[in-house]
PDB file of N, CA and C in Angstrom:
ATOM      1  N   MET A   1       7.506 -12.614   7.323  1.00  0.00           N
ATOM      2  CA  MET A   1       6.928 -11.492   6.574  1.00  0.00           C
ATOM      3  C   MET A   1       6.805 -10.301   7.525  1.00  0.00           C
ATOM      4  N   THR A   2       7.252  -9.154   7.070  1.00  0.00           N
ATOM      5  CA  THR A   2       7.180  -7.954   7.899  1.00  0.00           C
ATOM      6  C   THR A   2       5.783  -7.347   7.854  1.00  0.00           C
ATOM      7  N   LYS A   3       5.525  -6.464   8.794  1.00  0.00           N
ATOM      8  CA  LYS A   3       4.229  -5.777   8.820  1.00  0.00           C
ATOM      9  C   LYS A   3       4.021  -4.997   7.519  1.00  0.00           C
ATOM     10  N   ALA A   4       5.063  -4.326   7.043  1.00  0.00           N
ATOM     11  CA  ALA A   4       4.935  -3.554   5.802  1.00  0.00           C
ATOM     12  C   ALA A   4       4.598  -4.465   4.632  1.00  0.00           C
ATOM     13  N   SER A   5       5.245  -5.618   4.543  1.00  0.00           N
ATOM     14  CA  SER A   5       4.944  -6.561   3.457  1.00  0.00           C
ATOM     15  C   SER A   5       3.508  -7.050   3.548  1.00  0.00           C
ATOM     16  N   GLU A   6       3.076  -7.345   4.761  1.00  0.00           N
ATOM     17  CA  GLU A   6       1.702  -7.800   4.972  1.00  0.00           C
ATOM     18  C   GLU A   6       0.693  -6.722   4.565  1.00  0.00           C
ATOM     19  N   MET A   7       0.977  -5.475   4.916  1.00  0.00           N
ATOM     20  CA  MET A   7       0.065  -4.383   4.576  1.00  0.00           C
ATOM     21  C   MET A   7       0.029  -4.157   3.063  1.00  0.00           C
ATOM     22  N   VAL A   8       1.168  -4.251   2.395  1.00  0.00           N
ATOM     23  CA  VAL A   8       1.192  -4.115   0.936  1.00  0.00           C
ATOM     24  C   VAL A   8       0.300  -5.191   0.320  1.00  0.00           C
ATOM     25  N   ASP A   9       0.425  -6.421   0.811  1.00  0.00           N
ATOM     26  CA  ASP A   9      -0.403  -7.511   0.291  1.00  0.00           C
ATOM     27  C   ASP A   9      -1.884  -7.250   0.513  1.00  0.00           C
ATOM     28  N   LEU A  10      -2.248  -6.727   1.697  1.00  0.00           N
ATOM     29  CA  LEU A  10      -3.648  -6.409   1.981  1.00  0.00           C
ATOM     30  C   LEU A  10      -4.171  -5.315   1.054  1.00  0.00           C
ATOM     31  N   TYR A  11      -3.364  -4.281   0.849  1.00  0.00           N
ATOM     32  CA  TYR A  11      -3.792  -3.193  -0.025  1.00  0.00           C
ATOM     33  C   TYR A  11      -3.923  -3.651  -1.476  1.00  0.00           C
ATOM     34  N   ILE A  12      -3.050  -4.538  -1.916  1.00  0.00           N
ATOM     35  CA  ILE A  12      -3.169  -5.069  -3.274  1.00  0.00           C
ATOM     36  C   ILE A  12      -4.453  -5.885  -3.396  1.00  0.00           C
ATOM     37  N   ALA A  13      -4.751  -6.710  -2.385  1.00  0.00           N
ATOM     38  CA  ALA A  13      -5.996  -7.489  -2.397  1.00  0.00           C
ATOM     39  C   ALA A  13      -7.211  -6.575  -2.408  1.00  0.00           C
ATOM     40  N   ALA A  14      -7.158  -5.490  -1.629  1.00  0.00           N
ATOM     41  CA  ALA A  14      -8.262  -4.528  -1.604  1.00  0.00           C
ATOM     42  C   ALA A  14      -8.428  -3.852  -2.951  1.00  0.00           C
ATOM     43  N   GLU A  15      -7.321  -3.466  -3.557  1.00  0.00           N
ATOM     44  CA  GLU A  15      -7.356  -2.805  -4.863  1.00  0.00           C
ATOM     45  C   GLU A  15      -7.977  -3.725  -5.914  1.00  0.00           C
ATOM     46  N   ILE A  16      -7.578  -4.984  -5.911  1.00  0.00           N
ATOM     47  CA  ILE A  16      -8.133  -5.943  -6.862  1.00  0.00           C
ATOM     48  C   ILE A  16      -9.627  -6.131  -6.635  1.00  0.00           C
ATOM     49  N   ALA A  17     -10.023  -6.284  -5.371  1.00  0.00           N
ATOM     50  CA  ALA A  17     -11.446  -6.484  -5.062  1.00  0.00           C
ATOM     51  C   ALA A  17     -12.280  -5.295  -5.500  1.00  0.00           C
ATOM     52  N   VAL A  18     -11.810  -4.092  -5.226  1.00  0.00           N
ATOM     53  CA  VAL A  18     -12.552  -2.888  -5.585  1.00  0.00           C
ATOM     54  C   VAL A  18     -12.617  -2.729  -7.098  1.00  0.00           C
ATOM     55  N   LEU A  19     -11.513  -3.029  -7.783  1.00  0.00           N
ATOM     56  CA  LEU A  19     -11.510  -2.938  -9.238  1.00  0.00           C
ATOM     57  C   LEU A  19     -12.480  -3.927  -9.869  1.00  0.00           C
ATOM     58  N   LYS A  20     -12.751  -5.019  -9.166  1.00  0.00           N
ATOM     59  CA  LYS A  20     -13.729  -5.996  -9.648  1.00  0.00           C
ATOM     60  C   LYS A  20     -15.151  -5.608  -9.259  1.00  0.00           C
ATOM     61  N   GLY A  21     -15.312  -4.422  -8.662  1.00  0.00           N
ATOM     62  CA  GLY A  21     -16.641  -3.933  -8.319  1.00  0.00           C
ATOM     63  C   GLY A  21     -17.114  -4.366  -6.957  1.00  0.00           C
ATOM     64  N   GLN A  22     -16.226  -4.852  -6.134  1.00  0.00           N
ATOM     65  CA  GLN A  22     -16.586  -5.304  -4.806  1.00  0.00           C
ATOM     66  C   GLN A  22     -16.137  -4.284  -3.778  1.00  0.00           C
ATOM     67  N   SER A  23     -16.429  -4.589  -2.534  1.00  0.00           N
ATOM     68  CA  SER A  23     -15.906  -3.786  -1.437  1.00  0.00           C
ATOM     69  C   SER A  23     -14.906  -4.639  -0.676  1.00  0.00           C
ATOM     70  N   PHE A  24     -14.161  -4.008   0.214  1.00  0.00           N
ATOM     71  CA  PHE A  24     -13.118  -4.705   0.958  1.00  0.00           C
ATOM     72  C   PHE A  24     -13.019  -4.062   2.328  1.00  0.00           C
ATOM     73  N   THR A  25     -12.686  -4.842   3.342  1.00  0.00           N
ATOM     74  CA  THR A  25     -12.572  -4.323   4.702  1.00  0.00           C
ATOM     75  C   THR A  25     -11.138  -4.485   5.198  1.00  0.00           C
ATOM     76  N   ILE A  26     -10.572  -3.373   5.679  1.00  0.00           N
ATOM     77  CA  ILE A  26      -9.257  -3.370   6.320  1.00  0.00           C
ATOM     78  C   ILE A  26      -9.431  -2.674   7.657  1.00  0.00           C
ATOM     79  N   ASN A  27      -9.038  -3.346   8.732  1.00  0.00           N
ATOM     80  CA  ASN A  27      -9.136  -2.768  10.083  1.00  0.00           C
ATOM     81  C   ASN A  27     -10.533  -2.231  10.379  1.00  0.00           C
ATOM     82  N   ASN A  28     -11.538  -3.034  10.136  1.00  0.00           N
ATOM     83  CA  ASN A  28     -12.944  -2.688  10.404  1.00  0.00           C
ATOM     84  C   ASN A  28     -13.446  -1.497   9.603  1.00  0.00           C
ATOM     85  N   ARG A  29     -12.783  -1.183   8.513  1.00  0.00           N
ATOM     86  CA  ARG A  29     -13.191  -0.064   7.667  1.00  0.00           C
ATOM     87  C   ARG A  29     -13.519  -0.605   6.283  1.00  0.00           C
ATOM     88  N   GLN A  30     -14.751  -0.411   5.831  1.00  0.00           N
ATOM     89  CA  GLN A  30     -15.157  -0.929   4.533  1.00  0.00           C
ATOM     90  C   GLN A  30     -14.824   0.087   3.444  1.00  0.00           C
ATOM     91  N   LEU A  31     -14.124  -0.393   2.410  1.00  0.00           N
ATOM     92  CA  LEU A  31     -13.719   0.445   1.290  1.00  0.00           C
ATOM     93  C   LEU A  31     -14.448  -0.022   0.041  1.00  0.00           C
ATOM     94  N   THR A  32     -14.855   0.923  -0.782  1.00  0.00           N
ATOM     95  CA  THR A  32     -15.582   0.605  -2.001  1.00  0.00           C
ATOM     96  C   THR A  32     -14.876   1.258  -3.192  1.00  0.00           C
ATOM     97  N   ARG A  33     -15.478   1.094  -4.376  1.00  0.00           N
ATOM     98  CA  ARG A  33     -14.876   1.657  -5.584  1.00  0.00           C
ATOM     99  C   ARG A  33     -14.570   3.148  -5.417  1.00  0.00           C
ATOM    100  N   ALA A  34     -15.402   3.879  -4.727  1.00  0.00           N
ATOM    101  CA  ALA A  34     -15.184   5.313  -4.537  1.00  0.00           C
ATOM    102  C   ALA A  34     -13.898   5.581  -3.756  1.00  0.00           C
ATOM    103  N   ASP A  35     -13.426   4.588  -3.029  1.00  0.00           N
ATOM    104  CA  ASP A  35     -12.228   4.741  -2.209  1.00  0.00           C
ATOM    105  C   ASP A  35     -10.965   4.244  -2.908  1.00  0.00           C
ATOM    106  N   LEU A  36     -11.033   3.955  -4.200  1.00  0.00           N
ATOM    107  CA  LEU A  36      -9.897   3.367  -4.902  1.00  0.00           C
ATOM    108  C   LEU A  36      -8.651   4.234  -4.787  1.00  0.00           C
ATOM    109  N   SER A  37      -8.782   5.535  -4.916  1.00  0.00           N
ATOM    110  CA  SER A  37      -7.594   6.394  -4.820  1.00  0.00           C
ATOM    111  C   SER A  37      -7.002   6.346  -3.411  1.00  0.00           C
ATOM    112  N   GLU A  38      -7.843   6.212  -2.405  1.00  0.00           N
ATOM    113  CA  GLU A  38      -7.360   6.092  -1.028  1.00  0.00           C
ATOM    114  C   GLU A  38      -6.622   4.766  -0.844  1.00  0.00           C
ATOM    115  N   ILE A  39      -7.153   3.700  -1.415  1.00  0.00           N
ATOM    116  CA  ILE A  39      -6.502   2.394  -1.348  1.00  0.00           C
ATOM    117  C   ILE A  39      -5.145   2.456  -2.036  1.00  0.00           C
ATOM    118  N   GLN A  40      -5.106   3.053  -3.219  1.00  0.00           N
ATOM    119  CA  GLN A  40      -3.847   3.143  -3.955  1.00  0.00           C
ATOM    120  C   GLN A  40      -2.824   3.996  -3.195  1.00  0.00           C
ATOM    121  N   GLY A  41      -3.286   5.060  -2.562  1.00  0.00           N
ATOM    122  CA  GLY A  41      -2.393   5.886  -1.756  1.00  0.00           C
ATOM    123  C   GLY A  41      -1.838   5.119  -0.568  1.00  0.00           C
ATOM    124  N   GLY A  42      -2.690   4.341   0.078  1.00  0.00           N
ATOM    125  CA  GLY A  42      -2.243   3.513   1.194  1.00  0.00           C
ATOM    126  C   GLY A  42      -1.235   2.468   0.754  1.00  0.00           C
ATOM    127  N   ARG A  43      -1.487   1.875  -0.408  1.00  0.00           N
ATOM    128  CA  ARG A  43      -0.546   0.890  -0.942  1.00  0.00           C
ATOM    129  C   ARG A  43       0.817   1.518  -1.198  1.00  0.00           C
ATOM    130  N   ARG A  44       0.819   2.700  -1.810  1.00  0.00           N
ATOM    131  CA  ARG A  44       2.094   3.384  -2.083  1.00  0.00           C
ATOM    132  C   ARG A  44       2.832   3.706  -0.780  1.00  0.00           C
ATOM    133  N   GLU A  45       2.089   4.141   0.230  1.00  0.00           N
ATOM    134  CA  GLU A  45       2.693   4.463   1.526  1.00  0.00           C
ATOM    135  C   GLU A  45       3.364   3.223   2.130  1.00  0.00           C
ATOM    136  N   TRP A  46       2.666   2.090   2.111  1.00  0.00           N
ATOM    137  CA  TRP A  46       3.228   0.868   2.682  1.00  0.00           C
ATOM    138  C   TRP A  46       4.345   0.301   1.807  1.00  0.00           C
ATOM    139  N   GLU A  47       4.264   0.496   0.496  1.00  0.00           N
ATOM    140  CA  GLU A  47       5.368   0.068  -0.370  1.00  0.00           C
ATOM    141  C   GLU A  47       6.639   0.852  -0.033  1.00  0.00           C
ATOM    142  N   ASN A  48       6.482   2.142   0.244  1.00  0.00           N
ATOM    143  CA  ASN A  48       7.635   2.960   0.639  1.00  0.00           C
ATOM    144  C   ASN A  48       8.236   2.446   1.944  1.00  0.00           C
ATOM    145  N   LYS A  49       7.371   2.132   2.918  1.00  0.00           N
ATOM    146  CA  LYS A  49       7.860   1.607   4.199  1.00  0.00           C
ATOM    147  C   LYS A  49       8.558   0.269   4.004  1.00  0.00           C
ATOM    148  N   LYS A  50       7.994  -0.584   3.156  1.00  0.00           N
ATOM    149  CA  LYS A  50       8.598  -1.881   2.865  1.00  0.00           C
ATOM    150  C   LYS A  50       9.968  -1.693   2.222  1.00  0.00           C
ATOM    151  N   ASN A  51      10.063  -0.772   1.261  1.00  0.00           N
ATOM    152  CA  ASN A  51      11.340  -0.506   0.599  1.00  0.00           C
ATOM    153  C   ASN A  51      12.379   0.037   1.574  1.00  0.00           C
ATOM    154  N   GLN A  52      11.939   0.861   2.521  1.00  0.00           N
ATOM    155  CA  GLN A  52      12.855   1.380   3.539  1.00  0.00           C
ATOM    156  C   GLN A  52      13.360   0.258   4.430  1.00  0.00           C
ATOM    157  N   GLU A  53      12.459  -0.661   4.794  1.00  0.00           N
ATOM    158  CA  GLU A  53      12.861  -1.805   5.609  1.00  0.00           C
ATOM    159  C   GLU A  53      13.873  -2.670   4.865  1.00  0.00           C
ATOM    160  N   LEU A  54      13.615  -2.922   3.583  1.00  0.00           N
ATOM    161  CA  LEU A  54      14.526  -3.734   2.784  1.00  0.00           C
ATOM    162  C   LEU A  54      15.892  -3.062   2.650  1.00  0.00           C
ATOM    163  N   ALA A  55      15.884  -1.749   2.453  1.00  0.00           N
ATOM    164  CA  ALA A  55      17.147  -1.010   2.327  1.00  0.00           C
ATOM    165  C   ALA A  55      17.928  -1.061   3.636  1.00  0.00           C
ATOM    166  N   ALA A  56      17.216  -0.886   4.760  1.00  0.00           N
ATOM    167  CA  ALA A  56      17.888  -0.934   6.058  1.00  0.00           C
ATOM    168  C   ALA A  56      18.439  -2.329   6.331  1.00  0.00           C
ATOM    169  N   ALA A  57      17.705  -3.366   5.934  1.00  0.00           N
ATOM    170  CA  ALA A  57      18.147  -4.740   6.159  1.00  0.00           C
ATOM    171  C   ALA A  57      19.376  -5.081   5.324  1.00  0.00           C
ATOM    172  N   SER A  58      19.514  -4.420   4.174  1.00  0.00           N
ATOM    173  CA  SER A  58      20.677  -4.703   3.318  1.00  0.00           C
ATOM    174  C   SER A  58      21.858  -3.796   3.659  1.00  0.00           C
ATOM    175  N   GLY A  59      21.693  -2.985   4.692  1.00  0.00           N
ATOM    176  CA  GLY A  59      22.791  -2.138   5.137  1.00  0.00           C
ATOM    177  C   GLY A  59      22.917  -0.828   4.403  1.00  0.00           C
ATOM    178  N   GLY A  60      21.989  -0.530   3.552  1.00  0.00           N
ATOM    179  CA  GLY A  60      22.053   0.718   2.799  1.00  0.00           C
ATOM    180  C   GLY A  60      20.818   1.553   3.035  1.00  0.00           C
ATOM    181  N   SER A  61      20.698   2.560   2.269  1.00  0.00           N
ATOM    182  CA  SER A  61      19.492   3.367   2.322  1.00  0.00           C
ATOM    183  C   SER A  61      18.954   3.508   0.910  1.00  0.00           C
ATOM    184  N   SER A  62      17.711   3.770   0.816  1.00  0.00           N
ATOM    185  CA  SER A  62      17.092   3.925  -0.494  1.00  0.00           C
ATOM    186  C   SER A  62      17.606   5.199  -1.146  1.00  0.00           C
ATOM    187  N   ARG A  63      18.106   5.078  -2.355  1.00  0.00           N
ATOM    188  CA  ARG A  63      18.614   6.251  -3.064  1.00  0.00           C
ATOM    189  C   ARG A  63      17.513   6.990  -3.785  1.00  0.00           C
ATOM    190  N   TYR A  64      16.332   6.398  -3.829  1.00  0.00           N
ATOM    191  CA  TYR A  64      15.248   6.984  -4.583  1.00  0.00           C
ATOM    192  C   TYR A  64      14.066   7.265  -3.678  1.00  0.00           C
ATOM    193  N   GLY A  65      13.334   8.321  -4.011  1.00  0.00           N
ATOM    194  CA  GLY A  65      12.122   8.651  -3.296  1.00  0.00           C
ATOM    195  C   GLY A  65      10.947   8.626  -4.242  1.00  0.00           C
ATOM    196  N   LEU A  66       9.775   8.629  -3.691  1.00  0.00           N
ATOM    197  CA  LEU A  66       8.559   8.626  -4.491  1.00  0.00           C
ATOM    198  C   LEU A  66       7.821   9.928  -4.245  1.00  0.00           C
ATOM    199  N   ALA A  67       7.595  10.688  -5.304  1.00  0.00           N
ATOM    200  CA  ALA A  67       6.835  11.920  -5.209  1.00  0.00           C
ATOM    201  C   ALA A  67       5.429  11.648  -5.698  1.00  0.00           C
ATOM    202  N   ASP A  68       4.443  12.150  -4.978  1.00  0.00           N
ATOM    203  CA  ASP A  68       3.036  11.961  -5.349  1.00  0.00           C
ATOM    204  C   ASP A  68       2.459  13.332  -5.656  1.00  0.00           C
ATOM    205  N   PHE A  69       2.218  13.612  -6.919  1.00  0.00           N
ATOM    206  CA  PHE A  69       1.697  14.912  -7.360  1.00  0.00           C
ATOM    207  C   PHE A  69       0.220  14.860  -7.691  1.00  0.00           C
ATOM    208  N   THR A  70      -0.483  13.840  -7.195  1.00  0.00           N
ATOM    209  CA  THR A  70      -1.887  13.663  -7.560  1.00  0.00           C
ATOM    210  C   THR A  70      -2.820  14.591  -6.803  1.00  0.00           C
ATOM    211  N   GLN A  71      -2.362  15.219  -5.742  1.00  0.00           N
ATOM    212  CA  GLN A  71      -3.270  16.058  -4.958  1.00  0.00           C
ATOM    213  C   GLN A  71      -2.917  17.508  -5.043  1.00  0.00           C
TER     214      GLN A  71
END
């Protein structure tokens, strides 16, 4: 499992925990429901890195990008 895959899994676990009304800790940083948008942004960032790794491993490059217009 790559670092990007591991981080995506951590962010998904954090997102689920926060959505259930709990808090979650990543790298000694406690995240709560108020941080849900930050968690989702982090997940998207790591998903992009994971997709880039997968594209590079398959000998190609990602033909698609992700635009974030939320801010």
